[in-house]
Amino acid sequence: MRSRKPESTNLFHPEALRRLAEEEEQPPNTEASTAGPWQVARRAEGWAVTAAGREAPEVTARCQWVALLAAAVLPAGGRAPRFGLADSPGGPPFPLLDRAEPAGELATWSDELVAALNVLDAVASSPACLAFLLAAAGAEALERAGAIAAARLGADGESRDAHVDRGPLGEGGGGA
């Protein structure tokens, strides 16, 4: 009788993780080592998002996916913003700043976009937050995201970014 290989505690295949790590630069100074200890649990009134060691929930949601999204973004609230916009005396484009250093330009001023970038940076920097976001996404979204990531990496491990649409708006910002 063959002994059964222990199941991995990581949802992602080690080879895929290795290829992703080798492929492109990682964001500097991530907060992966200080990921927030939020817990999502079923309660009579719905789903509670509670900090480890506390009894009172920070968020109570009717749906589990809402609680999972809250758990994913809660740590972003106490974090210093990474991204910001600088005024441009001549008008657009407006400099997008990453910790006060130029990171790009926006054609129109958008506080909402900068706020979203800061939240996504916080989620991407924390394995715990990212895990909550992935759980909130659900099986269909994860299946499709896995196929997109596999196509992006290619079977031989080489990046296919130049040939793969990065999302609904694609590289150039136009719809596909």
Protein backbone atom coordinates (compact mmCIF):
# COMPACT_ATOMS: atom_id res chain seq x y z
CA MET A 1 0.00 0.00 0.00
CA ARG A 2 1.37 3.41 -0.98
CA SER A 3 1.60 6.01 1.71
CA ARG A 4 -0.43 9.07 0.95
CA LYS A 5 1.47 12.28 0.40
CA PRO A 6 0.51 14.88 3.01
CA GLU A 7 -1.75 17.57 1.61
CA SER A 8 -0.20 20.99 1.22
CA THR A 9 -1.50 23.79 3.40
CA ASN A 10 -0.97 26.18 0.50
CA LEU A 11 -3.66 26.47 -2.18
CA PHE A 12 -1.13 27.43 -4.85
CA HIS A 13 1.29 24.94 -6.41
CA PRO A 14 4.90 25.54 -5.28
CA GLU A 15 6.16 25.59 -8.87
CA ALA A 16 3.67 28.33 -9.82
CA LEU A 17 4.72 30.38 -6.78
CA ARG A 18 8.40 29.94 -7.68
CA ARG A 19 7.77 31.10 -11.26
CA LEU A 20 5.84 34.14 -10.07
CA ALA A 21 8.61 35.09 -7.63
CA GLU A 22 11.27 34.83 -10.35
CA GLU A 23 9.27 36.57 -13.03
CA GLU A 24 9.04 40.15 -11.91
CA GLU A 25 10.11 42.54 -9.22
CA GLN A 26 8.22 42.44 -5.94
CA PRO A 27 6.95 45.58 -4.22
CA PRO A 28 9.48 46.83 -1.67
CA ASN A 29 8.80 46.95 2.07
CA THR A 30 5.72 44.74 2.10
CA GLU A 31 3.97 44.19 5.40
CA ALA A 32 3.77 40.42 4.97
CA SER A 33 5.49 39.84 8.31
CA THR A 34 2.95 41.98 10.17
CA ALA A 35 -0.32 40.71 8.61
CA GLY A 36 -3.33 41.48 10.76
CA PRO A 37 -4.89 38.66 12.80
CA TRP A 38 -8.56 39.07 11.79
CA GLN A 39 -11.01 36.22 12.21
CA VAL A 40 -14.29 35.71 10.34
CA ALA A 41 -16.86 33.58 12.16
CA ARG A 42 -20.56 32.74 11.84
CA ARG A 43 -22.72 34.25 14.55
CA ALA A 44 -26.46 34.45 15.17
CA GLU A 45 -26.60 37.97 13.70
CA GLY A 46 -24.58 37.03 10.60
CA TRP A 47 -20.83 36.97 10.06
CA ALA A 48 -18.48 38.66 12.52
CA VAL A 49 -15.04 40.05 11.75
CA THR A 50 -13.13 40.12 15.01
CA ALA A 51 -9.54 40.87 15.92
CA ALA A 52 -7.74 37.97 17.58
CA GLY A 53 -8.10 38.21 21.34
CA ARG A 54 -11.18 40.45 21.25
CA GLU A 55 -14.80 39.49 21.77
CA ALA A 56 -16.63 42.40 20.14
CA PRO A 57 -16.59 42.28 16.34
CA GLU A 58 -15.31 45.21 14.35
CA VAL A 59 -17.75 44.36 11.54
CA THR A 60 -20.92 42.29 11.44
CA ALA A 61 -22.19 41.41 7.98
CA ARG A 62 -25.23 39.53 6.72
CA CYS A 63 -23.22 37.74 4.02
CA GLN A 64 -19.96 35.86 4.47
CA TRP A 65 -18.33 37.40 1.40
CA VAL A 66 -18.91 40.92 2.78
CA ALA A 67 -17.26 39.91 6.06
CA LEU A 68 -14.33 38.43 4.12
CA LEU A 69 -13.90 41.64 2.13
CA ALA A 70 -13.96 43.65 5.38
CA ALA A 71 -11.30 41.37 6.89
CA ALA A 72 -9.19 41.85 3.77
CA VAL A 73 -9.21 45.65 3.91
CA LEU A 74 -9.36 46.41 7.65
CA PRO A 75 -5.55 46.50 8.05
CA ALA A 76 -5.34 49.12 5.28
CA GLY A 77 -7.17 51.66 7.44
CA GLY A 78 -4.35 52.14 9.93
CA ARG A 79 -1.59 52.14 7.37
CA ALA A 80 0.16 55.22 6.01
CA PRO A 81 -0.83 55.76 2.37
CA ARG A 82 1.82 54.63 -0.07
CA PHE A 83 0.44 56.44 -3.12
CA GLY A 84 -0.52 60.06 -3.62
CA LEU A 85 -0.93 62.72 -6.28
CA ALA A 86 1.13 65.85 -6.80
CA ASP A 87 -0.17 69.12 -8.14
CA SER A 88 0.90 69.96 -11.65
CA PRO A 89 1.22 73.70 -12.31
CA GLY A 90 0.56 73.24 -16.01
CA GLY A 91 -2.47 70.99 -15.47
CA PRO A 92 -2.66 67.37 -16.56
CA PRO A 93 -0.98 64.96 -16.42
CA PHE A 94 -0.80 64.74 -12.64
CA PRO A 95 2.20 62.96 -11.11
CA LEU A 96 1.35 59.73 -9.26
CA LEU A 97 3.71 59.34 -6.32
CA ASP A 98 4.89 56.18 -4.57
CA ARG A 99 6.23 57.27 -1.16
CA ALA A 100 6.92 60.75 -2.58
CA GLU A 101 8.81 59.33 -5.60
CA PRO A 102 7.43 59.53 -9.15
CA ALA A 103 5.59 56.33 -10.08
CA GLY A 104 3.51 57.42 -13.07
CA GLU A 105 0.96 59.97 -14.24
CA LEU A 106 -2.82 60.33 -14.25
CA ALA A 107 -4.59 62.11 -17.10
CA THR A 108 -7.26 63.33 -14.67
CA TRP A 109 -7.08 63.99 -10.93
CA SER A 110 -8.62 61.03 -9.08
CA ASP A 111 -8.55 60.77 -5.29
CA GLU A 112 -10.70 57.65 -5.65
CA LEU A 113 -8.11 55.88 -7.80
CA VAL A 114 -5.31 56.77 -5.37
CA ALA A 115 -7.40 55.52 -2.42
CA ALA A 116 -8.09 52.26 -4.28
CA LEU A 117 -4.38 51.84 -5.08
CA ASN A 118 -3.56 52.26 -1.38
CA VAL A 119 -6.13 49.67 -0.32
CA LEU A 120 -4.98 47.19 -2.98
CA ASP A 121 -1.35 47.75 -1.98
CA ALA A 122 -2.25 46.94 1.62
CA VAL A 123 -4.14 43.79 0.60
CA ALA A 124 -1.39 42.63 -1.79
CA SER A 125 1.24 43.20 0.92
CA SER A 126 -0.44 40.97 3.49
CA PRO A 127 -0.86 37.22 2.97
CA ALA A 128 -3.73 37.17 5.50
CA CYS A 129 -5.58 40.00 3.73
CA LEU A 130 -4.99 38.43 0.33
CA ALA A 131 -6.33 35.09 1.60
CA PHE A 132 -9.54 36.80 2.81
CA LEU A 133 -9.92 38.51 -0.57
CA LEU A 134 -9.43 35.24 -2.43
CA ALA A 135 -12.01 33.53 -0.22
CA ALA A 136 -14.46 36.36 -0.88
CA ALA A 137 -13.90 36.06 -4.63
CA GLY A 138 -15.34 32.55 -4.74
CA ALA A 139 -14.55 29.46 -6.77
CA GLU A 140 -15.59 30.74 -10.22
CA ALA A 141 -13.47 33.90 -9.98
CA LEU A 142 -10.50 31.91 -8.65
CA GLU A 143 -10.81 29.36 -11.44
CA ARG A 144 -10.82 32.10 -14.06
CA ALA A 145 -7.99 34.00 -12.34
CA GLY A 146 -5.94 30.79 -12.22
CA ALA A 147 -6.41 30.29 -15.96
CA ILE A 148 -5.39 33.91 -16.66
CA ALA A 149 -2.31 33.55 -14.43
CA ALA A 150 -1.35 30.26 -16.10
CA ALA A 151 -1.69 31.81 -19.56
CA ARG A 152 0.32 34.82 -18.42
CA LEU A 153 3.15 32.62 -17.18
CA GLY A 154 3.05 30.20 -20.10
CA ALA A 155 3.69 26.47 -19.96
CA ASP A 156 7.46 26.95 -20.16
CA GLY A 157 7.56 29.46 -17.29
CA GLU A 158 8.24 32.41 -19.58
CA SER A 159 6.09 35.49 -19.08
CA ARG A 160 3.47 36.09 -21.75
CA ASP A 161 2.49 39.57 -20.52
CA ALA A 162 2.85 41.14 -23.94
CA HIS A 163 0.20 38.76 -25.27
CA VAL A 164 -2.27 38.56 -22.38
CA ASP A 165 -4.92 41.14 -21.54
CA ARG A 166 -4.35 42.29 -17.95
CA GLY A 167 -8.03 42.76 -17.22
CA PRO A 168 -11.27 44.21 -18.49
CA LEU A 169 -9.56 47.43 -19.61
CA GLY A 170 -6.34 45.82 -20.90
CA GLU A 171 -2.94 47.51 -21.10
CA GLY A 172 -4.02 50.60 -22.94
CA GLY A 173 -7.11 51.32 -20.87
CA GLY A 174 -9.53 50.46 -23.67
CA GLY A 175 -12.15 47.77 -23.38
CA ALA A 176 -11.49 44.37 -24.90
